[in-house]
Amino acid sequence: MKKRVLAVATLFLMSIAAAWAETPILSAPDAKQQIEAGELILLDIRTPQEWRETGLAKGAWPVSMHSRDFGTRLQAILAVYPPEQIALICAVGGRTGRVTAILEQNGIAGIVDVSEGMMGNRRGPGWIKRGLDVVTLDEAQAAYDDASANW
């Protein structure tokens, strides 16, 4: 009986912790506003091919989750910016959801998910269809290089 009560109590506490660690979500326009105000760093975690095809959200840094150095680059960014000032964007929100979930499981909570992504989904039409500014990969890479040179 004591084991059963302990198991129920443990599950209850775990559900509270999971609810507490819910990933913050921003719409593309809200993310744009926070980027422009200097309150948010946006990481585009798509592939280089996707960046070349569509461009990147203005203010986003190209940090592909498909790159071997993704973890190292993310750690370097987290050493400078708290998780609450970092947002992730991908094409339609699937990859950002997976990455934020893995980070939360490893004790890094608070990273923001721009879950409508660049192309849109049920949460919103996406950065591009909303007509928000995009830049080329070269422009985004130069902005990232400038910022990371100071770390």
Protein backbone atom coordinates (compact mmCIF):
# COMPACT_ATOMS: atom_id res chain seq x y z
CA MET A 1 0.00 0.00 0.00
CA LYS A 2 2.79 2.43 0.88
CA LYS A 3 4.48 1.71 -2.46
CA ARG A 4 1.25 2.44 -4.31
CA VAL A 5 0.80 5.76 -2.49
CA LEU A 6 4.42 6.65 -3.16
CA ALA A 7 3.99 5.81 -6.86
CA VAL A 8 0.85 7.95 -7.13
CA ALA A 9 2.55 10.83 -5.32
CA THR A 10 5.56 10.57 -7.64
CA LEU A 11 3.36 10.62 -10.74
CA PHE A 12 1.48 13.62 -9.37
CA LEU A 13 4.70 15.54 -8.75
CA MET A 14 6.03 14.62 -12.18
CA SER A 15 2.85 15.89 -13.84
CA ILE A 16 3.15 19.18 -11.94
CA ALA A 17 6.80 19.51 -13.02
CA ALA A 18 5.88 18.75 -16.64
CA ALA A 19 3.14 21.38 -16.63
CA TRP A 20 5.51 23.87 -15.03
CA ALA A 21 8.12 23.28 -17.75
CA GLU A 22 5.74 23.88 -20.65
CA THR A 23 7.57 25.36 -23.62
CA PRO A 24 6.84 29.05 -24.20
CA ILE A 25 5.38 29.68 -27.66
CA LEU A 26 5.48 32.92 -29.64
CA SER A 27 3.80 33.88 -32.87
CA ALA A 28 6.05 35.04 -35.69
CA PRO A 29 4.96 38.72 -35.32
CA ASP A 30 5.60 38.63 -31.56
CA ALA A 31 9.02 37.08 -32.13
CA LYS A 32 9.83 39.76 -34.72
CA GLN A 33 8.86 42.49 -32.27
CA GLN A 34 11.03 41.02 -29.50
CA ILE A 35 13.99 40.57 -31.88
CA GLU A 36 13.73 44.20 -32.96
CA ALA A 37 13.57 45.30 -29.30
CA GLY A 38 16.75 43.33 -28.55
CA GLU A 39 14.88 41.03 -26.16
CA LEU A 40 15.18 37.80 -28.15
CA ILE A 41 17.75 35.84 -30.15
CA LEU A 42 16.19 33.73 -32.92
CA LEU A 43 17.95 30.58 -34.09
CA ASP A 44 16.84 29.08 -37.40
CA ILE A 45 17.53 25.36 -36.99
CA ARG A 46 16.61 24.27 -40.53
CA THR A 47 19.05 22.98 -43.13
CA PRO A 48 21.34 25.18 -45.25
CA GLN A 49 19.35 24.11 -48.32
CA GLU A 50 16.13 25.41 -46.73
CA TRP A 51 17.85 28.69 -45.84
CA ARG A 52 19.00 29.13 -49.44
CA GLU A 53 15.52 28.34 -50.79
CA THR A 54 13.48 30.68 -48.57
CA GLY A 55 15.90 32.95 -46.77
CA LEU A 56 15.87 33.38 -43.00
CA ALA A 57 13.74 35.52 -40.75
CA LYS A 58 15.36 38.92 -40.43
CA GLY A 59 17.40 38.82 -37.22
CA ALA A 60 17.66 35.02 -37.14
CA TRP A 61 20.99 33.25 -36.87
CA PRO A 62 21.61 30.12 -38.96
CA VAL A 63 22.31 27.33 -36.45
CA SER A 64 21.27 24.09 -38.15
CA MET A 65 20.23 21.23 -35.89
CA HIS A 66 21.52 18.96 -38.66
CA SER A 67 25.09 20.21 -38.25
CA ARG A 68 27.60 18.18 -36.25
CA ASP A 69 28.50 21.26 -34.21
CA PHE A 70 24.89 22.13 -33.31
CA GLY A 71 25.34 21.20 -29.65
CA THR A 72 28.58 23.13 -29.34
CA ARG A 73 27.10 26.21 -30.99
CA LEU A 74 23.97 26.04 -28.85
CA GLN A 75 26.07 25.71 -25.68
CA ALA A 76 28.11 28.77 -26.68
CA ILE A 77 24.91 30.76 -27.21
CA LEU A 78 23.47 29.54 -23.89
CA ALA A 79 26.66 30.67 -22.16
CA VAL A 80 25.91 34.24 -23.28
CA TYR A 81 22.09 34.36 -23.35
CA PRO A 82 19.62 32.86 -20.86
CA PRO A 83 17.17 30.33 -22.32
CA GLU A 84 14.27 32.79 -22.00
CA GLN A 85 15.99 35.12 -24.50
CA ILE A 86 16.49 32.37 -27.10
CA ALA A 87 13.86 31.26 -29.59
CA LEU A 88 13.94 28.51 -32.22
CA ILE A 89 12.28 28.48 -35.62
CA CYS A 90 12.13 25.81 -38.32
CA ALA A 91 9.82 25.25 -41.29
CA VAL A 92 6.54 24.21 -39.62
CA GLY A 93 7.34 23.74 -35.92
CA GLY A 94 8.09 20.03 -35.75
CA ARG A 95 11.84 20.29 -35.28
CA THR A 96 11.62 23.17 -32.81
CA GLY A 97 9.17 21.14 -30.74
CA ARG A 98 11.51 18.15 -30.67
CA VAL A 99 14.59 20.23 -29.82
CA THR A 100 12.90 22.18 -27.03
CA ALA A 101 11.52 18.92 -25.57
CA ILE A 102 14.99 17.34 -25.54
CA LEU A 103 16.49 20.45 -23.97
CA GLU A 104 13.80 20.47 -21.28
CA GLN A 105 14.44 16.79 -20.53
CA ASN A 106 18.07 17.77 -19.97
CA GLY A 107 17.33 20.63 -17.63
CA ILE A 108 17.33 23.53 -20.13
CA ALA A 109 13.83 24.97 -19.93
CA GLY A 110 12.49 28.27 -21.16
CA ILE A 111 13.71 28.34 -24.76
CA VAL A 112 10.92 29.83 -26.85
CA ASP A 113 9.32 27.98 -29.76
CA VAL A 114 8.19 30.05 -32.75
CA SER A 115 6.08 27.05 -33.58
CA GLU A 116 4.26 28.34 -36.66
CA GLY A 117 7.69 28.32 -38.29
CA MET A 118 8.68 29.89 -41.56
CA MET A 119 6.05 28.09 -43.64
CA GLY A 120 3.07 27.95 -41.28
CA ASN A 121 0.88 25.33 -39.67
CA ARG A 122 -2.31 25.19 -37.59
CA ARG A 123 -0.82 27.72 -35.13
CA GLY A 124 -0.40 30.40 -37.78
CA PRO A 125 0.46 31.16 -41.40
CA GLY A 126 4.21 31.36 -40.79
CA TRP A 127 6.86 34.02 -41.07
CA ILE A 128 6.90 34.09 -44.87
CA LYS A 129 3.13 34.13 -45.53
CA ARG A 130 2.76 36.87 -42.93
CA GLY A 131 5.05 38.97 -45.12
CA LEU A 132 7.63 39.46 -42.38
CA ASP A 133 11.14 40.42 -43.48
CA VAL A 134 13.57 37.74 -44.62
CA VAL A 135 17.28 37.96 -45.38
CA THR A 136 19.70 35.85 -47.35
CA LEU A 137 21.84 33.17 -45.78
CA ASP A 138 24.91 35.36 -46.32
CA GLU A 139 23.31 38.25 -44.41
CA ALA A 140 22.19 36.00 -41.54
CA GLN A 141 25.58 34.29 -41.35
CA ALA A 142 27.36 37.66 -41.22
CA ALA A 143 25.11 38.77 -38.33
CA TYR A 144 25.84 35.53 -36.45
CA ASP A 145 29.59 35.85 -37.10
CA ASP A 146 29.58 39.45 -35.85
CA ALA A 147 27.73 38.53 -32.66
CA SER A 148 29.72 35.37 -31.90
CA ALA A 149 33.06 37.13 -32.43
CA ASN A 150 32.43 38.94 -29.14
CA TRP A 151 31.96 35.76 -27.05
